[in-house]
Amino acid sequence: MDELRRRYPGAVTYRFGDSPGLCAALLALVRAGKKRATCSSEAEIAAGEAPPVVGRCDIAVDFENVPQLVTRTVELVPVRYCDMTEEMALMEGEDDSLESWRAGHERYYRRLGIFDTEMKLIWERFEVVEDLKETRI
């Protein structure tokens, strides 16, 4: 991790999802090129999650805190849950419709205890800078 932090100064670590299985599935979607966006709630950020920053490279870790990917944020859009567009939802790569995105994200945010149809999200489009799995033997 020290070497990664030297190569990507200012990078923060983050994890997709709230369980090992979901995290692994989302990492696989990123690696397959299907997932190029994600979102965070303002409540998660207020609770201590590092906010995304356009242009910054960050390190995605798995549930064992092993670095998996380096991503760069290329776009941020503040949006309420109820105003999420289908185009934005589909870029997250997890669903095939806005309705499916809404159902899955409602379940996720209910598990976190923060769901509200008016909740504020920060939608983030990112690109993969480095797949760290490819550099391990």
Protein backbone atom coordinates (compact mmCIF):
# COMPACT_ATOMS: atom_id res chain seq x y z
CA MET A 1 0.00 0.00 0.00
CA ASP A 2 2.89 2.37 0.72
CA GLU A 3 4.15 2.01 -2.86
CA LEU A 4 0.65 2.72 -4.19
CA ARG A 5 0.36 5.84 -2.06
CA ARG A 6 3.72 7.04 -3.42
CA ARG A 7 2.57 6.43 -7.00
CA TYR A 8 -0.84 8.01 -6.39
CA PRO A 9 -0.35 10.86 -3.89
CA GLY A 10 -3.55 11.96 -2.21
CA ALA A 11 -5.34 8.69 -3.03
CA VAL A 12 -7.89 7.45 -0.54
CA THR A 13 -9.02 3.85 -0.19
CA TYR A 14 -12.62 2.83 -0.67
CA ARG A 15 -14.69 -0.31 -0.93
CA PHE A 16 -17.64 -1.12 -3.16
CA GLY A 17 -20.71 -2.50 -1.37
CA ASP A 18 -21.38 -3.55 2.19
CA SER A 19 -20.49 -7.26 2.10
CA PRO A 20 -17.67 -9.42 0.74
CA GLY A 21 -19.94 -10.92 -1.92
CA LEU A 22 -21.30 -7.61 -3.16
CA CYS A 23 -17.83 -6.08 -3.16
CA ALA A 24 -16.43 -8.96 -5.24
CA ALA A 25 -19.35 -8.75 -7.69
CA LEU A 26 -18.91 -4.99 -8.15
CA LEU A 27 -15.13 -5.30 -8.62
CA ALA A 28 -15.81 -7.94 -11.29
CA LEU A 29 -18.20 -5.55 -13.07
CA VAL A 30 -15.54 -2.83 -13.06
CA ARG A 31 -12.95 -5.26 -14.43
CA ALA A 32 -15.37 -6.36 -17.16
CA GLY A 33 -15.85 -2.73 -18.21
CA LYS A 34 -19.54 -2.74 -17.29
CA LYS A 35 -19.35 -0.56 -14.19
CA ARG A 36 -17.99 2.95 -14.82
CA ALA A 37 -19.97 4.85 -12.22
CA THR A 38 -21.06 4.63 -8.61
CA CYS A 39 -22.81 6.80 -6.09
CA SER A 40 -22.38 7.74 -2.47
CA SER A 41 -24.95 9.28 -0.20
CA GLU A 42 -24.27 12.57 1.49
CA ALA A 43 -25.13 10.76 4.75
CA GLU A 44 -22.25 8.31 4.20
CA ILE A 45 -19.89 11.19 3.52
CA ALA A 46 -21.12 13.06 6.61
CA ALA A 47 -20.40 9.89 8.62
CA GLY A 48 -16.76 9.89 7.51
CA GLU A 49 -16.54 8.38 4.02
CA ALA A 50 -14.07 10.38 1.94
CA PRO A 51 -15.89 12.43 -0.70
CA PRO A 52 -14.88 11.84 -4.32
CA VAL A 53 -12.81 14.52 -6.04
CA VAL A 54 -12.64 15.02 -9.81
CA GLY A 55 -9.18 14.14 -11.08
CA ARG A 56 -8.05 12.29 -7.96
CA CYS A 57 -6.92 8.67 -8.22
CA ASP A 58 -8.23 6.38 -5.46
CA ILE A 59 -7.60 2.78 -4.47
CA ALA A 60 -10.47 0.28 -4.40
CA VAL A 61 -9.89 -2.49 -1.85
CA ASP A 62 -11.68 -5.77 -1.25
CA PHE A 63 -13.16 -6.83 2.11
CA GLU A 64 -9.73 -8.01 3.29
CA ASN A 65 -8.36 -4.51 2.50
CA VAL A 66 -6.25 -5.87 -0.35
CA PRO A 67 -5.86 -3.20 -3.06
CA GLN A 68 -7.64 -4.26 -6.26
CA LEU A 69 -7.98 -1.26 -8.57
CA VAL A 70 -6.86 2.32 -8.97
CA THR A 71 -9.61 4.55 -10.34
CA ARG A 72 -9.74 8.21 -11.31
CA THR A 73 -12.88 10.28 -10.80
CA VAL A 74 -13.82 12.04 -14.03
CA GLU A 75 -17.27 13.47 -13.24
CA LEU A 76 -19.45 14.21 -10.21
CA VAL A 77 -23.17 14.96 -10.31
CA PRO A 78 -25.22 15.76 -7.22
CA VAL A 79 -28.61 14.11 -7.56
CA ARG A 80 -31.45 13.10 -5.26
CA TYR A 81 -32.33 9.39 -5.22
CA CYS A 82 -35.75 10.18 -6.72
CA ASP A 83 -34.16 12.18 -9.56
CA MET A 84 -31.60 9.58 -10.69
CA THR A 85 -31.73 9.21 -14.48
CA GLU A 86 -31.76 5.90 -16.30
CA GLU A 87 -28.59 6.85 -18.18
CA MET A 88 -26.72 7.47 -14.94
CA ALA A 89 -28.12 4.34 -13.27
CA LEU A 90 -27.13 2.13 -16.20
CA MET A 91 -23.55 3.44 -16.13
CA GLU A 92 -23.27 1.87 -12.68
CA GLY A 93 -23.40 -1.47 -14.51
CA GLU A 94 -25.39 -3.39 -11.93
CA ASP A 95 -28.85 -3.18 -13.44
CA ASP A 96 -30.67 -3.17 -16.77
CA SER A 97 -33.26 -0.53 -15.90
CA LEU A 98 -33.80 2.48 -13.66
CA GLU A 99 -36.46 0.52 -11.75
CA SER A 100 -33.99 -2.25 -10.97
CA TRP A 101 -31.38 0.33 -9.89
CA ARG A 102 -33.92 1.95 -7.58
CA ALA A 103 -34.93 -1.37 -6.02
CA GLY A 104 -31.34 -2.46 -5.41
CA HIS A 105 -30.18 0.87 -4.07
CA GLU A 106 -33.23 1.17 -1.82
CA ARG A 107 -32.35 -2.22 -0.29
CA TYR A 108 -28.72 -1.14 0.13
CA TYR A 109 -29.53 2.21 1.76
CA ARG A 110 -32.18 0.59 3.99
CA ARG A 111 -29.51 -1.84 5.22
CA LEU A 112 -27.43 1.23 6.11
CA GLY A 113 -30.47 2.78 7.81
CA ILE A 114 -30.38 5.95 5.72
CA PHE A 115 -32.91 5.44 2.92
CA ASP A 116 -35.15 8.33 1.92
CA THR A 117 -36.56 8.93 -1.56
CA GLU A 118 -35.32 12.53 -1.27
CA MET A 119 -31.84 11.55 -0.07
CA LYS A 120 -28.95 13.37 -1.67
CA LEU A 121 -26.43 11.32 -3.62
CA ILE A 122 -23.21 12.12 -5.37
CA TRP A 123 -23.05 10.18 -8.62
CA GLU A 124 -19.48 9.56 -9.70
CA ARG A 125 -18.18 8.52 -13.12
CA PHE A 126 -14.71 7.01 -12.99
CA GLU A 127 -12.11 5.33 -15.17
CA VAL A 128 -9.77 2.48 -14.29
CA VAL A 129 -6.17 3.62 -14.13
CA GLU A 130 -4.64 0.34 -12.99
CA ASP A 131 -5.93 -3.16 -12.29
CA LEU A 132 -3.73 -4.34 -9.43
CA LYS A 133 -4.79 -7.96 -9.86
CA GLU A 134 -3.00 -7.97 -13.23
CA THR A 135 0.27 -6.89 -11.58
CA ARG A 136 0.20 -9.69 -8.95
CA ILE A 137 1.43 -13.17 -9.79
